[in-house]
Amino acid sequence: MKVSDILRVKGNTLYTVQPDEPLIKATQIMAEKDIGSLVVMEHGDYWTATRATCP
């Protein structure tokens, strides 16, 4: 399976939240959009797990 195959089924919309958004807001977006994840972005840059946990 290729990424293009997944995008064809899932679509190419990227849903994001900012790092200072409350967790409840993120979970509401995920429920409304029926998605399993969000990309955390700030000023056009995405956050990695390391960046989110280490200042």
PDB file of N, CA and C in Angstrom:
ATOM      1  N   MET A   1       0.838  -1.178   0.000  1.00  0.00           N
ATOM      2  CA  MET A   1       0.000   0.000   0.000  1.00  0.00           C
ATOM      3  C   MET A   1       0.886   1.245   0.000  1.00  0.00           C
ATOM      4  N   LYS A   2       0.460   2.236  -0.748  1.00  0.00           N
ATOM      5  CA  LYS A   2       1.194   3.495  -0.850  1.00  0.00           C
ATOM      6  C   LYS A   2       0.424   4.612  -0.161  1.00  0.00           C
ATOM      7  N   VAL A   3       1.128   5.677   0.169  1.00  0.00           N
ATOM      8  CA  VAL A   3       0.486   6.843   0.781  1.00  0.00           C
ATOM      9  C   VAL A   3      -0.620   7.360  -0.122  1.00  0.00           C
ATOM     10  N   SER A   4      -0.380   7.369  -1.418  1.00  0.00           N
ATOM     11  CA  SER A   4      -1.401   7.855  -2.358  1.00  0.00           C
ATOM     12  C   SER A   4      -2.676   7.023  -2.275  1.00  0.00           C
ATOM     13  N   ASP A   5      -2.545   5.717  -2.002  1.00  0.00           N
ATOM     14  CA  ASP A   5      -3.725   4.856  -1.842  1.00  0.00           C
ATOM     15  C   ASP A   5      -4.522   5.262  -0.601  1.00  0.00           C
ATOM     16  N   ILE A   6      -3.818   5.552   0.487  1.00  0.00           N
ATOM     17  CA  ILE A   6      -4.481   5.956   1.729  1.00  0.00           C
ATOM     18  C   ILE A   6      -5.181   7.300   1.537  1.00  0.00           C
ATOM     19  N   LEU A   7      -4.490   8.251   0.903  1.00  0.00           N
ATOM     20  CA  LEU A   7      -5.073   9.575   0.690  1.00  0.00           C
ATOM     21  C   LEU A   7      -6.293   9.510  -0.218  1.00  0.00           C
ATOM     22  N   ARG A   8      -6.282   8.604  -1.157  1.00  0.00           N
ATOM     23  CA  ARG A   8      -7.426   8.460  -2.052  1.00  0.00           C
ATOM     24  C   ARG A   8      -8.666   8.051  -1.255  1.00  0.00           C
ATOM     25  N   VAL A   9      -8.485   7.197  -0.253  1.00  0.00           N
ATOM     26  CA  VAL A   9      -9.600   6.739   0.578  1.00  0.00           C
ATOM     27  C   VAL A   9      -9.939   7.765   1.664  1.00  0.00           C
ATOM     28  N   LYS A  10      -8.923   8.265   2.356  1.00  0.00           N
ATOM     29  CA  LYS A  10      -9.123   9.153   3.499  1.00  0.00           C
ATOM     30  C   LYS A  10      -9.339  10.608   3.106  1.00  0.00           C
ATOM     31  N   GLY A  11      -8.870  11.002   1.948  1.00  0.00           N
ATOM     32  CA  GLY A  11      -8.931  12.403   1.547  1.00  0.00           C
ATOM     33  C   GLY A  11      -7.634  13.105   1.885  1.00  0.00           C
ATOM     34  N   ASN A  12      -7.492  14.330   1.419  1.00  0.00           N
ATOM     35  CA  ASN A  12      -6.218  15.023   1.629  1.00  0.00           C
ATOM     36  C   ASN A  12      -6.363  16.253   2.516  1.00  0.00           C
ATOM     37  N   THR A  13      -7.399  16.287   3.331  1.00  0.00           N
ATOM     38  CA  THR A  13      -7.591  17.394   4.263  1.00  0.00           C
ATOM     39  C   THR A  13      -6.753  17.170   5.512  1.00  0.00           C
ATOM     40  N   LEU A  14      -6.049  18.207   5.919  1.00  0.00           N
ATOM     41  CA  LEU A  14      -5.219  18.142   7.115  1.00  0.00           C
ATOM     42  C   LEU A  14      -5.882  18.970   8.203  1.00  0.00           C
ATOM     43  N   TYR A  15      -6.257  18.342   9.290  1.00  0.00           N
ATOM     44  CA  TYR A  15      -6.864  19.041  10.419  1.00  0.00           C
ATOM     45  C   TYR A  15      -5.785  19.320  11.449  1.00  0.00           C
ATOM     46  N   THR A  16      -5.770  20.558  11.954  1.00  0.00           N
ATOM     47  CA  THR A  16      -4.719  20.962  12.885  1.00  0.00           C
ATOM     48  C   THR A  16      -5.305  21.663  14.114  1.00  0.00           C
ATOM     49  N   VAL A  17      -4.501  21.708  15.152  1.00  0.00           N
ATOM     50  CA  VAL A  17      -4.781  22.499  16.352  1.00  0.00           C
ATOM     51  C   VAL A  17      -3.494  23.190  16.748  1.00  0.00           C
ATOM     52  N   GLN A  18      -3.627  24.229  17.538  1.00  0.00           N
ATOM     53  CA  GLN A  18      -2.458  24.913  18.078  1.00  0.00           C
ATOM     54  C   GLN A  18      -2.086  24.269  19.406  1.00  0.00           C
ATOM     55  N   PRO A  19      -0.814  24.347  19.803  1.00  0.00           N
ATOM     56  CA  PRO A  19      -0.371  23.683  21.036  1.00  0.00           C
ATOM     57  C   PRO A  19      -1.058  24.185  22.302  1.00  0.00           C
ATOM     58  N   ASP A  20      -1.591  25.393  22.274  1.00  0.00           N
ATOM     59  CA  ASP A  20      -2.236  25.915  23.479  1.00  0.00           C
ATOM     60  C   ASP A  20      -3.741  25.652  23.507  1.00  0.00           C
ATOM     61  N   GLU A  21      -4.267  24.923  22.533  1.00  0.00           N
ATOM     62  CA  GLU A  21      -5.690  24.569  22.527  1.00  0.00           C
ATOM     63  C   GLU A  21      -5.971  23.583  23.657  1.00  0.00           C
ATOM     64  N   PRO A  22      -7.103  23.734  24.335  1.00  0.00           N
ATOM     65  CA  PRO A  22      -7.475  22.752  25.359  1.00  0.00           C
ATOM     66  C   PRO A  22      -7.692  21.370  24.726  1.00  0.00           C
ATOM     67  N   LEU A  23      -7.356  20.359  25.461  1.00  0.00           N
ATOM     68  CA  LEU A  23      -7.502  18.991  24.971  1.00  0.00           C
ATOM     69  C   LEU A  23      -8.954  18.695  24.589  1.00  0.00           C
ATOM     70  N   ILE A  24      -9.902  19.231  25.316  1.00  0.00           N
ATOM     71  CA  ILE A  24     -11.310  18.989  25.018  1.00  0.00           C
ATOM     72  C   ILE A  24     -11.665  19.510  23.627  1.00  0.00           C
ATOM     73  N   LYS A  25     -11.084  20.638  23.230  1.00  0.00           N
ATOM     74  CA  LYS A  25     -11.334  21.185  21.895  1.00  0.00           C
ATOM     75  C   LYS A  25     -10.798  20.241  20.831  1.00  0.00           C
ATOM     76  N   ALA A  26      -9.602  19.709  21.048  1.00  0.00           N
ATOM     77  CA  ALA A  26      -9.022  18.764  20.091  1.00  0.00           C
ATOM     78  C   ALA A  26      -9.886  17.520  19.963  1.00  0.00           C
ATOM     79  N   THR A  27     -10.366  17.000  21.079  1.00  0.00           N
ATOM     80  CA  THR A  27     -11.191  15.795  21.008  1.00  0.00           C
ATOM     81  C   THR A  27     -12.545  16.089  20.365  1.00  0.00           C
ATOM     82  N   GLN A  28     -13.068  17.290  20.557  1.00  0.00           N
ATOM     83  CA  GLN A  28     -14.324  17.656  19.896  1.00  0.00           C
ATOM     84  C   GLN A  28     -14.149  17.715  18.382  1.00  0.00           C
ATOM     85  N   ILE A  29     -13.055  18.298  17.932  1.00  0.00           N
ATOM     86  CA  ILE A  29     -12.771  18.358  16.495  1.00  0.00           C
ATOM     87  C   ILE A  29     -12.648  16.952  15.929  1.00  0.00           C
ATOM     88  N   MET A  30     -11.921  16.101  16.641  1.00  0.00           N
ATOM     89  CA  MET A  30     -11.730  14.727  16.169  1.00  0.00           C
ATOM     90  C   MET A  30     -13.066  13.994  16.072  1.00  0.00           C
ATOM     91  N   ALA A  31     -13.939  14.206  17.043  1.00  0.00           N
ATOM     92  CA  ALA A  31     -15.253  13.556  17.022  1.00  0.00           C
ATOM     93  C   ALA A  31     -16.111  14.108  15.884  1.00  0.00           C
ATOM     94  N   GLU A  32     -16.126  15.419  15.716  1.00  0.00           N
ATOM     95  CA  GLU A  32     -16.923  16.044  14.658  1.00  0.00           C
ATOM     96  C   GLU A  32     -16.480  15.607  13.271  1.00  0.00           C
ATOM     97  N   LYS A  33     -15.173  15.501  13.071  1.00  0.00           N
ATOM     98  CA  LYS A  33     -14.627  15.153  11.759  1.00  0.00           C
ATOM     99  C   LYS A  33     -14.465  13.650  11.566  1.00  0.00           C
ATOM    100  N   ASP A  34     -14.724  12.880  12.639  1.00  0.00           N
ATOM    101  CA  ASP A  34     -14.564  11.424  12.603  1.00  0.00           C
ATOM    102  C   ASP A  34     -13.150  11.037  12.167  1.00  0.00           C
ATOM    103  N   ILE A  35     -12.169  11.631  12.865  1.00  0.00           N
ATOM    104  CA  ILE A  35     -10.764  11.371  12.563  1.00  0.00           C
ATOM    105  C   ILE A  35     -10.057  10.860  13.812  1.00  0.00           C
ATOM    106  N   GLY A  36      -8.904  10.239  13.629  1.00  0.00           N
ATOM    107  CA  GLY A  36      -8.186   9.642  14.743  1.00  0.00           C
ATOM    108  C   GLY A  36      -6.980  10.426  15.208  1.00  0.00           C
ATOM    109  N   SER A  37      -6.657  11.523  14.515  1.00  0.00           N
ATOM    110  CA  SER A  37      -5.491  12.304  14.938  1.00  0.00           C
ATOM    111  C   SER A  37      -5.582  13.714  14.370  1.00  0.00           C
ATOM    112  N   LEU A  38      -4.829  14.602  14.987  1.00  0.00           N
ATOM    113  CA  LEU A  38      -4.689  15.982  14.542  1.00  0.00           C
ATOM    114  C   LEU A  38      -3.203  16.316  14.511  1.00  0.00           C
ATOM    115  N   VAL A  39      -2.832  17.227  13.641  1.00  0.00           N
ATOM    116  CA  VAL A  39      -1.460  17.722  13.622  1.00  0.00           C
ATOM    117  C   VAL A  39      -1.420  18.978  14.482  1.00  0.00           C
ATOM    118  N   VAL A  40      -0.460  19.037  15.385  1.00  0.00           N
ATOM    119  CA  VAL A  40      -0.299  20.206  16.245  1.00  0.00           C
ATOM    120  C   VAL A  40       0.681  21.155  15.554  1.00  0.00           C
ATOM    121  N   MET A  41       0.194  22.373  15.267  1.00  0.00           N
ATOM    122  CA  MET A  41       1.014  23.341  14.534  1.00  0.00           C
ATOM    123  C   MET A  41       1.002  24.693  15.237  1.00  0.00           C
ATOM    124  N   GLU A  42       2.131  25.376  15.133  1.00  0.00           N
ATOM    125  CA  GLU A  42       2.252  26.734  15.652  1.00  0.00           C
ATOM    126  C   GLU A  42       3.054  27.565  14.660  1.00  0.00           C
ATOM    127  N   HIS A  43       2.474  28.644  14.184  1.00  0.00           N
ATOM    128  CA  HIS A  43       3.124  29.539  13.225  1.00  0.00           C
ATOM    129  C   HIS A  43       3.616  28.782  11.986  1.00  0.00           C
ATOM    130  N   GLY A  44       2.835  27.816  11.534  1.00  0.00           N
ATOM    131  CA  GLY A  44       3.175  27.068  10.328  1.00  0.00           C
ATOM    132  C   GLY A  44       4.143  25.923  10.536  1.00  0.00           C
ATOM    133  N   ASP A  45       4.640  25.741  11.755  1.00  0.00           N
ATOM    134  CA  ASP A  45       5.556  24.641  12.061  1.00  0.00           C
ATOM    135  C   ASP A  45       4.809  23.573  12.838  1.00  0.00           C
ATOM    136  N   TYR A  46       5.076  22.306  12.531  1.00  0.00           N
ATOM    137  CA  TYR A  46       4.424  21.235  13.274  1.00  0.00           C
ATOM    138  C   TYR A  46       5.242  20.881  14.507  1.00  0.00           C
ATOM    139  N   TRP A  47       4.564  20.378  15.501  1.00  0.00           N
ATOM    140  CA  TRP A  47       5.202  19.968  16.755  1.00  0.00           C
ATOM    141  C   TRP A  47       5.436  18.478  16.710  1.00  0.00           C
ATOM    142  N   THR A  48       6.605  18.070  17.170  1.00  0.00           N
ATOM    143  CA  THR A  48       6.884  16.647  17.315  1.00  0.00           C
ATOM    144  C   THR A  48       6.618  16.245  18.753  1.00  0.00           C
ATOM    145  N   ALA A  49       6.566  14.967  19.031  1.00  0.00           N
ATOM    146  CA  ALA A  49       6.333  14.497  20.401  1.00  0.00           C
ATOM    147  C   ALA A  49       7.420  15.038  21.321  1.00  0.00           C
ATOM    148  N   THR A  50       8.664  15.080  20.867  1.00  0.00           N
ATOM    149  CA  THR A  50       9.768  15.577  21.681  1.00  0.00           C
ATOM    150  C   THR A  50       9.576  17.057  21.979  1.00  0.00           C
ATOM    151  N   ARG A  51       9.206  17.811  20.984  1.00  0.00           N
ATOM    152  CA  ARG A  51       9.036  19.254  21.165  1.00  0.00           C
ATOM    153  C   ARG A  51       7.849  19.547  22.086  1.00  0.00           C
ATOM    154  N   ALA A  52       6.836  18.716  22.023  1.00  0.00           N
ATOM    155  CA  ALA A  52       5.661  18.941  22.839  1.00  0.00           C
ATOM    156  C   ALA A  52       5.924  18.623  24.313  1.00  0.00           C
ATOM    157  N   THR A  53       6.858  17.736  24.591  1.00  0.00           N
ATOM    158  CA  THR A  53       7.089  17.317  25.958  1.00  0.00           C
ATOM    159  C   THR A  53       8.317  17.972  26.580  1.00  0.00           C
ATOM    160  N   CYS A  54       9.199  18.502  25.761  1.00  0.00           N
ATOM    161  CA  CYS A  54      10.423  19.130  26.280  1.00  0.00           C
ATOM    162  C   CYS A  54      10.453  20.591  25.861  1.00  0.00           C
ATOM    163  N   PRO A  55      10.510  21.496  26.810  1.00  0.00           N
ATOM    164  CA  PRO A  55      10.522  22.924  26.450  1.00  0.00           C
ATOM    165  C   PRO A  55      11.763  23.334  25.674  1.00  0.00           C
TER     166      PRO A  55
END
